[in-house]
Amino acid sequence: MSYNPTEYWHERGKVYKQNFRYNKDFVLQEELLVSYLSDNIFTASNSTQSVLELGCGYGRITKLLLTKFPKMIKEYLAVDLSPHQIENAKKYVDSTDNKIIFSVSDIQSLDTNKKYDLIILSEVLLHVLPSDIDSVIKKVISFSNKHIINIDWYEDKLPRDYKIRATYNFIHQYEAIYKKYTEPNTIIKRIPIRRKKKLFGTHDTKQSIFHVIIEKTK
């Protein structure tokens, strides 16, 4: 059966929260994300931030950011294509906080005239079909006022079948795609999510934080 992202995640969204298992990869992912955001985005010089989270799921990253940066974030729009995931997110996150709005939509259908200071996607773009990834990233860029952060699986070389781990996971060359659709002076960084272990070896999640800093032409 061919993979249709909308159909697949509408169905999986019904059981995703109850089947989710928190593990050491997620711990390291969240620790490094918070550290990176603290050093590079939610700084003393950037006291007011609007955030758009695409593919928020049940609200794991949503709650993390709102908990860690409550005074920095002034406005937060959390979007997911699964109605069940949005309902789970409303329960998991304090939805009575008037700074947060939840919305059901896929990325391509999202209709907003607003640009956001930070757009964040955690393990979202890897589920986009290779035939759609360019148009999806172009849409993400159109929402950005300054920063885009996406966390995804990454390898320097594409495997022959373009997939990793499951039929709904794809490796995309994010840096190259961002470069095609942004100004030449836009900064694009990749930060591997890994850490040396206390005794020996490295805990490598096989993921990276991709940070795009949009530089507008004056």
Protein backbone atom coordinates (compact mmCIF):
# COMPACT_ATOMS: atom_id res chain seq x y z
CA MET A 1 0.00 0.00 0.00
CA SER A 2 1.36 3.42 -0.95
CA TYR A 3 1.96 5.97 1.78
CA ASN A 4 -0.48 8.87 1.92
CA PRO A 5 0.65 11.24 4.71
CA THR A 6 -2.77 12.76 5.42
CA GLU A 7 -4.58 9.44 5.55
CA TYR A 8 -1.81 7.75 7.52
CA TRP A 9 -1.51 10.42 10.22
CA HIS A 10 -5.26 10.87 10.56
CA GLU A 11 -5.44 7.20 11.52
CA ARG A 12 -2.22 7.01 13.54
CA GLY A 13 -3.17 10.19 15.36
CA LYS A 14 -6.00 8.29 17.02
CA VAL A 15 -3.58 6.05 18.93
CA TYR A 16 -0.28 7.97 18.83
CA LYS A 17 -0.43 9.37 22.36
CA GLN A 18 -1.33 6.08 24.03
CA ASN A 19 1.41 4.21 22.10
CA PHE A 20 4.13 6.83 22.58
CA ARG A 21 7.17 5.66 24.55
CA TYR A 22 9.50 8.30 25.98
CA ASN A 23 13.15 7.20 25.73
CA LYS A 24 16.73 8.46 26.13
CA ASP A 25 16.78 9.78 22.55
CA PHE A 26 13.88 12.12 23.35
CA VAL A 27 15.59 13.20 26.59
CA LEU A 28 18.76 14.18 24.73
CA GLN A 29 16.77 15.77 21.91
CA GLU A 30 14.88 18.00 24.34
CA GLU A 31 17.96 18.89 26.40
CA LEU A 32 19.95 19.99 23.36
CA LEU A 33 16.98 21.80 21.83
CA VAL A 34 16.36 23.85 24.98
CA SER A 35 20.07 24.60 25.30
CA TYR A 36 20.31 25.67 21.67
CA LEU A 37 17.21 27.86 21.82
CA SER A 38 18.45 29.49 25.03
CA ASP A 39 21.77 30.39 23.43
CA ASN A 40 20.57 31.40 19.98
CA ILE A 41 16.91 32.47 19.93
CA PHE A 42 15.32 33.03 23.34
CA THR A 43 18.02 35.42 24.51
CA ALA A 44 17.86 38.58 26.57
CA SER A 45 17.88 40.70 23.42
CA ASN A 46 14.85 38.86 22.00
CA SER A 47 12.24 39.28 24.71
CA THR A 48 9.15 39.02 22.50
CA GLN A 49 8.65 35.93 20.35
CA SER A 50 5.80 34.57 18.28
CA VAL A 51 6.01 30.83 17.63
CA LEU A 52 4.40 28.63 15.00
CA GLU A 53 4.75 24.90 15.63
CA LEU A 54 3.88 22.70 12.67
CA GLY A 55 3.05 19.07 13.39
CA CYS A 56 2.69 19.60 17.14
CA GLY A 57 1.35 16.08 17.77
CA TYR A 58 0.10 15.63 21.32
CA GLY A 59 2.06 18.69 22.46
CA ARG A 60 5.40 17.30 23.67
CA ILE A 61 7.52 20.12 22.24
CA THR A 62 4.71 22.65 22.72
CA LYS A 63 4.66 22.09 26.48
CA LEU A 64 8.46 21.98 26.65
CA LEU A 65 8.86 25.41 25.04
CA LEU A 66 6.01 27.05 26.96
CA THR A 67 7.40 25.68 30.22
CA LYS A 68 11.04 26.61 29.57
CA PHE A 69 10.42 30.03 27.99
CA PRO A 70 7.15 31.31 29.49
CA LYS A 71 8.19 34.97 29.56
CA MET A 72 9.85 34.95 26.16
CA ILE A 73 6.96 33.48 24.20
CA LYS A 74 4.09 35.92 23.73
CA GLU A 75 2.11 34.08 21.06
CA TYR A 76 2.02 30.39 20.09
CA LEU A 77 0.11 28.69 17.27
CA ALA A 78 0.27 24.87 17.42
CA VAL A 79 -0.88 23.06 14.28
CA ASP A 80 -1.39 19.40 13.42
CA LEU A 81 -3.28 17.64 10.65
CA SER A 82 -4.76 15.12 13.09
CA PRO A 83 -7.87 16.29 15.03
CA HIS A 84 -7.15 13.60 17.65
CA GLN A 85 -3.61 14.88 18.18
CA ILE A 86 -4.90 18.42 18.62
CA GLU A 87 -7.41 17.25 21.23
CA ASN A 88 -4.62 15.38 23.03
CA ALA A 89 -2.43 18.49 22.88
CA LYS A 90 -5.14 20.63 24.42
CA LYS A 91 -5.26 18.23 27.36
CA TYR A 92 -1.49 17.83 27.68
CA VAL A 93 -0.71 21.54 27.42
CA ASP A 94 -2.41 24.21 29.49
CA SER A 95 -4.87 25.30 26.82
CA THR A 96 -6.35 27.94 29.15
CA ASP A 97 -3.18 29.99 28.60
CA ASN A 98 -4.42 32.75 26.30
CA LYS A 99 -1.11 32.92 24.42
CA ILE A 100 -1.67 29.54 22.74
CA ILE A 101 -4.02 28.64 19.90
CA PHE A 102 -4.48 25.12 18.49
CA SER A 103 -5.45 24.49 14.89
CA VAL A 104 -6.14 21.45 12.70
CA SER A 105 -4.42 21.75 9.31
CA ASP A 106 -1.72 20.30 7.15
CA ILE A 107 1.19 22.57 6.26
CA GLN A 108 0.16 23.21 2.67
CA SER A 109 -3.43 24.13 3.61
CA LEU A 110 -2.55 26.40 6.53
CA ASP A 111 -3.93 29.86 5.83
CA THR A 112 -2.31 32.63 7.80
CA ASN A 113 -1.14 36.05 6.74
CA LYS A 114 1.06 36.35 9.81
CA LYS A 115 4.80 35.71 9.86
CA TYR A 116 6.31 34.18 13.00
CA ASP A 117 9.60 34.87 14.76
CA LEU A 118 10.19 31.14 15.24
CA ILE A 119 8.81 28.22 13.28
CA ILE A 120 9.53 24.83 14.80
CA LEU A 121 8.94 21.34 13.43
CA SER A 122 10.04 18.28 15.38
CA GLU A 123 10.19 15.02 13.40
CA VAL A 124 7.68 16.33 10.87
CA LEU A 125 9.48 16.95 7.58
CA LEU A 126 10.90 13.42 7.52
CA HIS A 127 7.32 12.20 6.96
CA VAL A 128 6.85 14.36 3.86
CA LEU A 129 7.04 12.54 0.55
CA PRO A 130 10.17 13.27 -1.53
CA SER A 131 7.91 14.57 -4.32
CA ASP A 132 6.39 17.14 -1.92
CA ILE A 133 9.31 18.22 0.27
CA ASP A 134 10.35 21.22 -1.84
CA SER A 135 6.85 22.72 -1.93
CA VAL A 136 6.34 22.07 1.79
CA ILE A 137 9.61 23.78 2.74
CA LYS A 138 8.76 26.73 0.48
CA LYS A 139 5.48 27.06 2.40
CA VAL A 140 7.29 26.90 5.75
CA ILE A 141 9.69 29.63 4.61
CA SER A 142 6.72 31.82 3.65
CA PHE A 143 5.56 31.82 7.31
CA SER A 144 8.97 32.84 8.67
CA ASN A 145 9.94 36.23 10.02
CA LYS A 146 13.39 35.11 11.17
CA HIS A 147 14.06 31.60 12.52
CA ILE A 148 13.13 28.11 11.35
CA ILE A 149 14.07 25.07 13.42
CA ASN A 150 13.38 21.56 12.23
CA ILE A 151 14.52 18.37 13.98
CA ASP A 152 14.79 15.35 11.74
CA TRP A 153 16.67 12.17 10.97
CA TYR A 154 19.63 12.86 8.73
CA GLU A 155 22.37 11.09 6.79
CA ASP A 156 24.91 12.67 4.46
CA LYS A 157 24.24 10.07 1.80
CA LEU A 158 20.77 9.02 0.74
CA PRO A 159 20.08 5.29 0.93
CA ARG A 160 18.93 3.69 -2.31
CA ASP A 161 15.29 3.49 -1.26
CA TYR A 162 15.35 7.03 0.23
CA LYS A 163 13.74 5.67 3.41
CA ILE A 164 14.87 4.99 6.95
CA ARG A 165 13.41 2.81 9.68
CA ALA A 166 9.85 2.76 8.30
CA THR A 167 7.88 3.28 5.11
CA TYR A 168 6.73 6.70 6.31
CA ASN A 169 10.22 8.11 7.07
CA PHE A 170 12.36 9.82 4.43
CA ILE A 171 15.78 11.45 4.49
CA HIS A 172 15.80 14.87 2.82
CA GLN A 173 18.75 17.14 2.06
CA TYR A 174 17.36 20.03 4.09
CA GLU A 175 20.30 22.39 3.78
CA ALA A 176 20.31 22.18 -0.01
CA ILE A 177 16.53 22.67 -0.22
CA TYR A 178 16.55 25.69 2.10
CA LYS A 179 19.31 27.27 0.02
CA LYS A 180 17.20 27.00 -3.13
CA TYR A 181 14.35 29.06 -1.70
CA THR A 182 16.01 31.67 0.52
CA GLU A 183 18.23 34.69 -0.03
CA PRO A 184 21.97 34.01 -0.58
CA ASN A 185 22.87 35.56 2.78
CA THR A 186 20.51 33.30 4.74
CA ILE A 187 22.37 31.28 7.39
CA ILE A 188 21.73 27.53 7.55
CA LYS A 189 23.18 25.43 10.37
CA ARG A 190 23.04 21.73 11.20
CA ILE A 191 23.67 20.58 14.78
CA PRO A 192 23.87 16.80 15.28
CA ILE A 193 21.93 15.57 18.31
CA ARG A 194 24.58 13.47 20.00
CA ARG A 195 26.66 13.52 23.17
CA LYS A 196 29.73 11.72 24.42
CA LYS A 197 28.94 9.20 27.13
CA LYS A 198 30.58 9.54 30.55
CA LEU A 199 32.68 6.41 30.23
CA PHE A 200 33.10 5.69 26.53
CA GLY A 201 31.32 5.94 23.19
CA THR A 202 28.76 8.41 21.94
CA HIS A 203 25.00 8.58 22.32
CA ASP A 204 23.99 9.43 18.75
CA THR A 205 20.28 9.86 18.01
CA LYS A 206 20.91 10.00 14.23
CA GLN A 207 19.01 13.28 14.27
CA SER A 208 20.02 16.90 13.71
CA ILE A 209 18.70 20.32 14.58
CA PHE A 210 18.48 22.37 11.40
CA HIS A 211 18.45 26.12 12.05
CA VAL A 212 17.62 28.53 9.24
CA ILE A 213 18.11 32.24 9.93
CA ILE A 214 16.19 34.18 7.33
CA GLU A 215 17.90 37.38 6.27
CA LYS A 216 15.54 39.74 4.54
CA THR A 217 16.71 41.83 1.63
CA LYS A 218 16.44 45.52 2.48
